[in-house]
Amino acid sequence: MKQINAAIWRLLGTRINGDVGPYTFYWNKRSRLVMFLKTWPKDPATWWQTHNRNRWRHAGERWRSLDQQTRDDWLELGRRANLTISGYNLFIFYITGHDVDAIKTVQRIAKMDVITATGPPLPWPDT
């Protein structure tokens, strides 16, 4: 772990954070940039971890596959229901199958129907 003077990054007009190439950067409590080599897991991912990662990937693909009108409807649903999360987050919540009844309640509040145009959520595995 190495602490770096952040002045050079400020001169470049950027605030780096997260993974960049083989390094991970973060800012400590004293506003110092800390850098260290990224670590990789020693054990391969379990079936369940792989399934969950694929689930999030499929949810993003499903959003991108929606026509523009349906995406706009999801975004409008979030606005009309006066929620603190966006319509995209509502879509991800719905499509990953966490609580379909909650989305139906939000639809009733907003007086909109987005589930019909979106289709069913992703299925959960049996095991």
N, C-alpha and C. Protein backbone atom coordinates (compact mmCIF):
# COMPACT_ATOMS: atom_id res chain seq x y z
N MET A 1 0.86 -1.17 0.00
CA MET A 1 0.00 0.00 0.00
C MET A 1 0.90 1.23 0.00
N LYS A 2 0.57 2.16 -0.85
CA LYS A 2 1.37 3.37 -0.98
C LYS A 2 0.46 4.58 -1.01
N GLN A 3 0.78 5.59 -0.21
CA GLN A 3 0.01 6.83 -0.24
C GLN A 3 0.66 7.78 -1.23
N ILE A 4 -0.17 8.42 -2.04
CA ILE A 4 0.31 9.29 -3.10
C ILE A 4 -0.19 10.70 -2.86
N ASN A 5 0.63 11.68 -3.13
CA ASN A 5 0.19 13.07 -3.05
C ASN A 5 -0.84 13.29 -4.16
N ALA A 6 -2.00 13.75 -3.79
CA ALA A 6 -3.11 13.89 -4.74
C ALA A 6 -3.01 15.14 -5.59
N ALA A 7 -2.00 15.99 -5.38
CA ALA A 7 -1.89 17.25 -6.12
C ALA A 7 -1.79 17.01 -7.62
N ILE A 8 -1.08 15.98 -8.02
CA ILE A 8 -0.93 15.71 -9.46
C ILE A 8 -2.27 15.37 -10.09
N TRP A 9 -3.11 14.64 -9.36
CA TRP A 9 -4.43 14.30 -9.90
C TRP A 9 -5.32 15.54 -9.98
N ARG A 10 -5.19 16.43 -9.01
CA ARG A 10 -5.97 17.67 -9.05
C ARG A 10 -5.55 18.53 -10.22
N LEU A 11 -4.25 18.55 -10.52
CA LEU A 11 -3.78 19.31 -11.68
C LEU A 11 -4.36 18.78 -12.98
N LEU A 12 -4.53 17.47 -13.02
CA LEU A 12 -5.12 16.86 -14.21
C LEU A 12 -6.64 17.02 -14.25
N GLY A 13 -7.22 17.52 -13.16
CA GLY A 13 -8.65 17.75 -13.11
C GLY A 13 -9.47 16.50 -12.92
N THR A 14 -8.91 15.51 -12.27
CA THR A 14 -9.63 14.26 -12.08
C THR A 14 -9.53 13.80 -10.63
N ARG A 15 -10.47 13.02 -10.21
CA ARG A 15 -10.44 12.42 -8.88
C ARG A 15 -10.60 10.92 -9.09
N ILE A 16 -9.49 10.25 -9.11
CA ILE A 16 -9.47 8.82 -9.43
C ILE A 16 -9.97 8.02 -8.23
N ASN A 17 -10.70 6.94 -8.52
CA ASN A 17 -11.24 6.09 -7.47
C ASN A 17 -11.60 4.74 -8.08
N GLY A 18 -11.24 3.66 -7.43
CA GLY A 18 -11.60 2.33 -7.92
C GLY A 18 -10.45 1.65 -8.64
N ASP A 19 -10.77 0.70 -9.51
CA ASP A 19 -9.77 -0.08 -10.21
C ASP A 19 -9.38 0.59 -11.51
N VAL A 20 -8.07 0.74 -11.69
CA VAL A 20 -7.51 1.27 -12.94
C VAL A 20 -6.36 0.36 -13.31
N GLY A 21 -6.55 -0.43 -14.37
CA GLY A 21 -5.53 -1.39 -14.76
C GLY A 21 -5.30 -2.38 -13.62
N PRO A 22 -4.04 -2.65 -13.29
CA PRO A 22 -3.75 -3.61 -12.22
C PRO A 22 -3.76 -3.00 -10.82
N TYR A 23 -4.18 -1.74 -10.69
CA TYR A 23 -4.15 -1.05 -9.40
C TYR A 23 -5.55 -0.70 -8.90
N THR A 24 -5.67 -0.59 -7.59
CA THR A 24 -6.88 -0.11 -6.95
C THR A 24 -6.55 1.18 -6.22
N PHE A 25 -7.36 2.21 -6.44
CA PHE A 25 -7.16 3.51 -5.81
C PHE A 25 -8.35 3.82 -4.91
N TYR A 26 -8.07 4.46 -3.77
CA TYR A 26 -9.14 4.99 -2.93
C TYR A 26 -8.59 6.16 -2.13
N TRP A 27 -9.49 6.95 -1.57
CA TRP A 27 -9.11 8.13 -0.78
C TRP A 27 -9.32 7.81 0.69
N ASN A 28 -8.29 8.02 1.51
CA ASN A 28 -8.44 7.75 2.94
C ASN A 28 -9.08 8.95 3.64
N LYS A 29 -9.25 8.85 4.96
CA LYS A 29 -9.93 9.90 5.72
C LYS A 29 -9.18 11.22 5.72
N ARG A 30 -7.89 11.19 5.46
CA ARG A 30 -7.08 12.41 5.45
C ARG A 30 -6.91 12.97 4.04
N SER A 31 -7.79 12.57 3.13
CA SER A 31 -7.77 13.02 1.73
C SER A 31 -6.46 12.71 1.03
N ARG A 32 -5.91 11.58 1.36
CA ARG A 32 -4.71 11.10 0.67
C ARG A 32 -5.12 9.97 -0.26
N LEU A 33 -4.55 9.96 -1.42
CA LEU A 33 -4.82 8.91 -2.39
C LEU A 33 -3.99 7.68 -2.04
N VAL A 34 -4.64 6.53 -1.91
CA VAL A 34 -3.95 5.29 -1.57
C VAL A 34 -4.04 4.36 -2.77
N MET A 35 -2.91 3.75 -3.12
CA MET A 35 -2.86 2.86 -4.28
C MET A 35 -2.25 1.53 -3.85
N PHE A 36 -2.80 0.42 -4.35
CA PHE A 36 -2.19 -0.88 -4.13
C PHE A 36 -2.54 -1.79 -5.30
N LEU A 37 -1.75 -2.83 -5.47
CA LEU A 37 -2.02 -3.79 -6.55
C LEU A 37 -3.34 -4.49 -6.29
N LYS A 38 -4.10 -4.65 -7.34
CA LYS A 38 -5.39 -5.33 -7.24
C LYS A 38 -5.15 -6.79 -6.87
N THR A 39 -5.97 -7.30 -5.99
CA THR A 39 -5.85 -8.70 -5.60
C THR A 39 -6.94 -9.51 -6.29
N TRP A 40 -6.60 -10.70 -6.66
CA TRP A 40 -7.54 -11.58 -7.35
C TRP A 40 -7.89 -12.74 -6.42
N PRO A 41 -9.10 -13.26 -6.50
CA PRO A 41 -9.48 -14.38 -5.62
C PRO A 41 -8.66 -15.62 -5.93
N LYS A 42 -8.32 -16.37 -4.88
CA LYS A 42 -7.53 -17.60 -5.06
C LYS A 42 -8.42 -18.77 -5.46
N ASP A 43 -9.65 -18.76 -4.98
CA ASP A 43 -10.58 -19.85 -5.27
C ASP A 43 -11.49 -19.46 -6.43
N PRO A 44 -11.85 -20.41 -7.27
CA PRO A 44 -12.81 -20.08 -8.34
C PRO A 44 -14.18 -19.76 -7.74
N ALA A 45 -14.96 -19.02 -8.48
CA ALA A 45 -16.30 -18.64 -8.01
C ALA A 45 -17.18 -19.88 -7.87
N THR A 46 -18.05 -19.86 -6.89
CA THR A 46 -19.00 -20.96 -6.72
C THR A 46 -20.09 -20.85 -7.79
N TRP A 47 -20.89 -21.88 -7.91
CA TRP A 47 -21.98 -21.87 -8.88
C TRP A 47 -22.93 -20.71 -8.57
N TRP A 48 -23.21 -20.50 -7.29
CA TRP A 48 -24.17 -19.46 -6.90
C TRP A 48 -23.61 -18.07 -7.21
N GLN A 49 -22.33 -17.84 -6.98
CA GLN A 49 -21.73 -16.54 -7.30
C GLN A 49 -21.79 -16.27 -8.81
N THR A 50 -21.48 -17.28 -9.59
CA THR A 50 -21.54 -17.13 -11.04
C THR A 50 -22.97 -16.85 -11.49
N HIS A 51 -23.92 -17.55 -10.89
CA HIS A 51 -25.32 -17.34 -11.23
C HIS A 51 -25.75 -15.90 -10.92
N ASN A 52 -25.38 -15.40 -9.75
CA ASN A 52 -25.76 -14.03 -9.38
C ASN A 52 -25.12 -13.00 -10.30
N ARG A 53 -23.87 -13.19 -10.64
CA ARG A 53 -23.21 -12.25 -11.57
C ARG A 53 -23.91 -12.25 -12.92
N ASN A 54 -24.25 -13.44 -13.41
CA ASN A 54 -24.95 -13.54 -14.69
C ASN A 54 -26.33 -12.91 -14.61
N ARG A 55 -26.97 -13.02 -13.46
CA ARG A 55 -28.30 -12.44 -13.27
C ARG A 55 -28.26 -10.93 -13.45
N TRP A 56 -27.25 -10.26 -12.84
CA TRP A 56 -27.11 -8.81 -13.00
C TRP A 56 -26.76 -8.45 -14.44
N ARG A 57 -25.93 -9.27 -15.07
CA ARG A 57 -25.57 -9.01 -16.46
C ARG A 57 -26.81 -9.12 -17.35
N HIS A 58 -27.61 -10.16 -17.13
CA HIS A 58 -28.84 -10.33 -17.92
C HIS A 58 -29.83 -9.20 -17.67
N ALA A 59 -29.92 -8.71 -16.44
CA ALA A 59 -30.81 -7.59 -16.15
C ALA A 59 -30.40 -6.36 -16.95
N GLY A 60 -29.11 -6.07 -17.01
CA GLY A 60 -28.64 -4.93 -17.81
C GLY A 60 -28.91 -5.12 -19.30
N GLU A 61 -28.72 -6.35 -19.77
CA GLU A 61 -29.01 -6.64 -21.18
C GLU A 61 -30.50 -6.49 -21.47
N ARG A 62 -31.32 -6.89 -20.53
CA ARG A 62 -32.77 -6.77 -20.70
C ARG A 62 -33.17 -5.30 -20.80
N TRP A 63 -32.56 -4.42 -19.97
CA TRP A 63 -32.85 -2.98 -20.04
C TRP A 63 -32.47 -2.43 -21.41
N ARG A 64 -31.29 -2.81 -21.88
CA ARG A 64 -30.84 -2.31 -23.19
C ARG A 64 -31.69 -2.85 -24.33
N SER A 65 -32.31 -4.01 -24.14
CA SER A 65 -33.13 -4.59 -25.21
C SER A 65 -34.53 -3.98 -25.28
N LEU A 66 -34.94 -3.24 -24.23
CA LEU A 66 -36.26 -2.60 -24.25
C LEU A 66 -36.30 -1.49 -25.29
N ASP A 67 -37.46 -1.27 -25.87
CA ASP A 67 -37.59 -0.14 -26.78
C ASP A 67 -37.57 1.16 -25.96
N GLN A 68 -37.28 2.27 -26.63
CA GLN A 68 -37.10 3.55 -25.93
C GLN A 68 -38.37 3.97 -25.16
N GLN A 69 -39.53 3.70 -25.72
CA GLN A 69 -40.78 4.07 -25.06
C GLN A 69 -40.95 3.35 -23.71
N THR A 70 -40.63 2.05 -23.69
CA THR A 70 -40.75 1.29 -22.45
C THR A 70 -39.74 1.79 -21.41
N ARG A 71 -38.52 2.08 -21.84
CA ARG A 71 -37.53 2.63 -20.90
C ARG A 71 -38.00 3.97 -20.34
N ASP A 72 -38.54 4.82 -21.22
CA ASP A 72 -39.07 6.11 -20.77
C ASP A 72 -40.22 5.92 -19.79
N ASP A 73 -41.06 4.90 -20.02
CA ASP A 73 -42.16 4.62 -19.10
C ASP A 73 -41.65 4.22 -17.71
N TRP A 74 -40.59 3.41 -17.66
CA TRP A 74 -40.01 3.04 -16.37
C TRP A 74 -39.47 4.28 -15.66
N LEU A 75 -38.79 5.14 -16.39
CA LEU A 75 -38.25 6.36 -15.78
C LEU A 75 -39.39 7.26 -15.29
N GLU A 76 -40.46 7.35 -16.06
CA GLU A 76 -41.62 8.15 -15.66
C GLU A 76 -42.31 7.54 -14.44
N LEU A 77 -42.33 6.22 -14.36
CA LEU A 77 -42.92 5.54 -13.20
C LEU A 77 -42.23 5.98 -11.91
N GLY A 78 -40.93 6.05 -11.93
CA GLY A 78 -40.19 6.50 -10.74
C GLY A 78 -40.52 7.94 -10.38
N ARG A 79 -40.66 8.79 -11.39
CA ARG A 79 -40.99 10.20 -11.12
C ARG A 79 -42.42 10.35 -10.59
N ARG A 80 -43.37 9.68 -11.23
CA ARG A 80 -44.77 9.83 -10.82
C ARG A 80 -45.03 9.29 -9.42
N ALA A 81 -44.31 8.25 -9.03
CA ALA A 81 -44.52 7.65 -7.72
C ALA A 81 -43.76 8.40 -6.62
N ASN A 82 -43.03 9.45 -7.00
CA ASN A 82 -42.25 10.25 -6.04
C ASN A 82 -41.32 9.39 -5.20
N LEU A 83 -40.61 8.50 -5.86
CA LEU A 83 -39.68 7.63 -5.16
C LEU A 83 -38.28 8.24 -5.15
N THR A 84 -37.47 7.79 -4.21
CA THR A 84 -36.10 8.30 -4.15
C THR A 84 -35.16 7.50 -5.05
N ILE A 85 -35.67 6.46 -5.71
CA ILE A 85 -34.84 5.71 -6.65
C ILE A 85 -35.35 5.98 -8.06
N SER A 86 -34.48 5.74 -9.02
CA SER A 86 -34.83 6.02 -10.41
C SER A 86 -35.68 4.90 -11.00
N GLY A 87 -36.23 5.17 -12.16
CA GLY A 87 -36.99 4.16 -12.87
C GLY A 87 -36.13 2.98 -13.30
N TYR A 88 -34.86 3.26 -13.60
CA TYR A 88 -33.94 2.18 -13.94
C TYR A 88 -33.77 1.24 -12.75
N ASN A 89 -33.62 1.80 -11.56
CA ASN A 89 -33.47 0.97 -10.37
C ASN A 89 -34.75 0.18 -10.09
N LEU A 90 -35.91 0.77 -10.36
CA LEU A 90 -37.17 0.03 -10.24
C LEU A 90 -37.19 -1.15 -11.20
N PHE A 91 -36.74 -0.90 -12.42
CA PHE A 91 -36.70 -1.96 -13.42
C PHE A 91 -35.80 -3.10 -12.97
N ILE A 92 -34.59 -2.77 -12.48
CA ILE A 92 -33.66 -3.80 -12.03
C ILE A 92 -34.25 -4.58 -10.86
N PHE A 93 -34.91 -3.88 -9.94
CA PHE A 93 -35.56 -4.52 -8.81
C PHE A 93 -36.62 -5.50 -9.31
N TYR A 94 -37.40 -5.08 -10.30
CA TYR A 94 -38.46 -5.93 -10.85
C TYR A 94 -37.88 -7.12 -11.61
N ILE A 95 -36.95 -6.84 -12.51
CA ILE A 95 -36.47 -7.87 -13.43
C ILE A 95 -35.68 -8.96 -12.71
N THR A 96 -35.05 -8.61 -11.59
CA THR A 96 -34.33 -9.63 -10.83
C THR A 96 -35.27 -10.41 -9.91
N GLY A 97 -36.56 -10.07 -9.94
CA GLY A 97 -37.57 -10.86 -9.27
C GLY A 97 -37.62 -10.74 -7.77
N HIS A 98 -37.17 -9.61 -7.23
CA HIS A 98 -37.14 -9.48 -5.78
C HIS A 98 -38.54 -9.35 -5.17
N ASP A 99 -39.37 -8.46 -5.68
CA ASP A 99 -40.70 -8.28 -5.12
C ASP A 99 -41.61 -7.69 -6.19
N VAL A 100 -42.21 -8.55 -6.97
CA VAL A 100 -43.07 -8.12 -8.07
C VAL A 100 -44.29 -7.37 -7.54
N ASP A 101 -44.80 -7.78 -6.39
CA ASP A 101 -45.97 -7.11 -5.82
C ASP A 101 -45.66 -5.66 -5.46
N ALA A 102 -44.44 -5.38 -5.05
CA ALA A 102 -44.06 -3.99 -4.74
C ALA A 102 -44.12 -3.13 -6.00
N ILE A 103 -43.68 -3.66 -7.12
CA ILE A 103 -43.74 -2.90 -8.38
C ILE A 103 -45.19 -2.71 -8.80
N LYS A 104 -46.02 -3.70 -8.57
CA LYS A 104 -47.45 -3.56 -8.90
C LYS A 104 -48.09 -2.46 -8.05
N THR A 105 -47.67 -2.36 -6.80
CA THR A 105 -48.18 -1.29 -5.93
C THR A 105 -47.72 0.06 -6.44
N VAL A 106 -46.46 0.18 -6.85
CA VAL A 106 -45.94 1.44 -7.40
C VAL A 106 -46.71 1.80 -8.67
N GLN A 107 -47.03 0.81 -9.49
CA GLN A 107 -47.81 1.07 -10.70
C GLN A 107 -49.18 1.64 -10.36
N ARG A 108 -49.82 1.08 -9.34
CA ARG A 108 -51.14 1.59 -8.94
C ARG A 108 -51.05 3.03 -8.46
N ILE A 109 -50.02 3.34 -7.69
CA ILE A 109 -49.83 4.71 -7.19
C ILE A 109 -49.61 5.68 -8.35
N ALA A 110 -48.79 5.26 -9.33
CA ALA A 110 -48.45 6.14 -10.45
C ALA A 110 -49.49 6.10 -11.57
N LYS A 111 -50.44 5.18 -11.46
CA LYS A 111 -51.47 5.01 -12.50
C LYS A 111 -50.83 4.73 -13.86
N MET A 112 -49.90 3.79 -13.86
CA MET A 112 -49.19 3.38 -15.08
C MET A 112 -49.06 1.86 -15.09
N ASP A 113 -48.86 1.30 -16.28
CA ASP A 113 -48.58 -0.13 -16.40
C ASP A 113 -47.33 -0.31 -17.24
N VAL A 114 -46.25 -0.75 -16.60
CA VAL A 114 -45.00 -0.98 -17.33
C VAL A 114 -44.65 -2.46 -17.39
N ILE A 115 -45.24 -3.25 -16.50
CA ILE A 115 -44.91 -4.68 -16.46
C ILE A 115 -45.37 -5.39 -17.73
N THR A 116 -46.52 -5.02 -18.26
CA THR A 116 -47.06 -5.67 -19.45
C THR A 116 -46.10 -5.54 -20.63
N ALA A 117 -45.55 -4.35 -20.85
CA ALA A 117 -44.63 -4.14 -21.96
C ALA A 117 -43.25 -4.73 -21.69
N THR A 118 -42.90 -4.92 -20.43
CA THR A 118 -41.56 -5.42 -20.08
C THR A 118 -41.45 -6.92 -20.14
N GLY A 119 -42.49 -7.61 -19.74
CA GLY A 119 -42.43 -9.07 -19.71
C GLY A 119 -42.12 -9.58 -18.32
N PRO A 120 -41.99 -10.89 -18.18
CA PRO A 120 -41.78 -11.48 -16.85
C PRO A 120 -40.36 -11.24 -16.34
N PRO A 121 -40.19 -11.29 -15.01
CA PRO A 121 -38.84 -11.16 -14.45
C PRO A 121 -38.00 -12.40 -14.73
N LEU A 122 -36.72 -12.31 -14.45
CA LEU A 122 -35.82 -13.46 -14.64
C LEU A 122 -36.20 -14.55 -13.64
N PRO A 123 -36.15 -15.82 -14.05
CA PRO A 123 -36.52 -16.90 -13.14
C PRO A 123 -35.43 -17.15 -12.09
N TRP A 124 -35.84 -17.61 -10.94
CA TRP A 124 -34.90 -18.02 -9.90
C TRP A 124 -34.61 -19.50 -10.07
N PRO A 125 -33.39 -19.93 -9.78
CA PRO A 125 -33.08 -21.37 -9.92
C PRO A 125 -33.72 -22.17 -8.80
N ASP A 126 -33.88 -23.46 -9.03
CA ASP A 126 -34.49 -24.35 -8.03
C ASP A 126 -33.51 -24.70 -6.90
N THR A 127 -32.22 -24.66 -7.20
CA THR A 127 -31.23 -25.06 -6.17
C THR A 127 -30.52 -23.87 -5.61
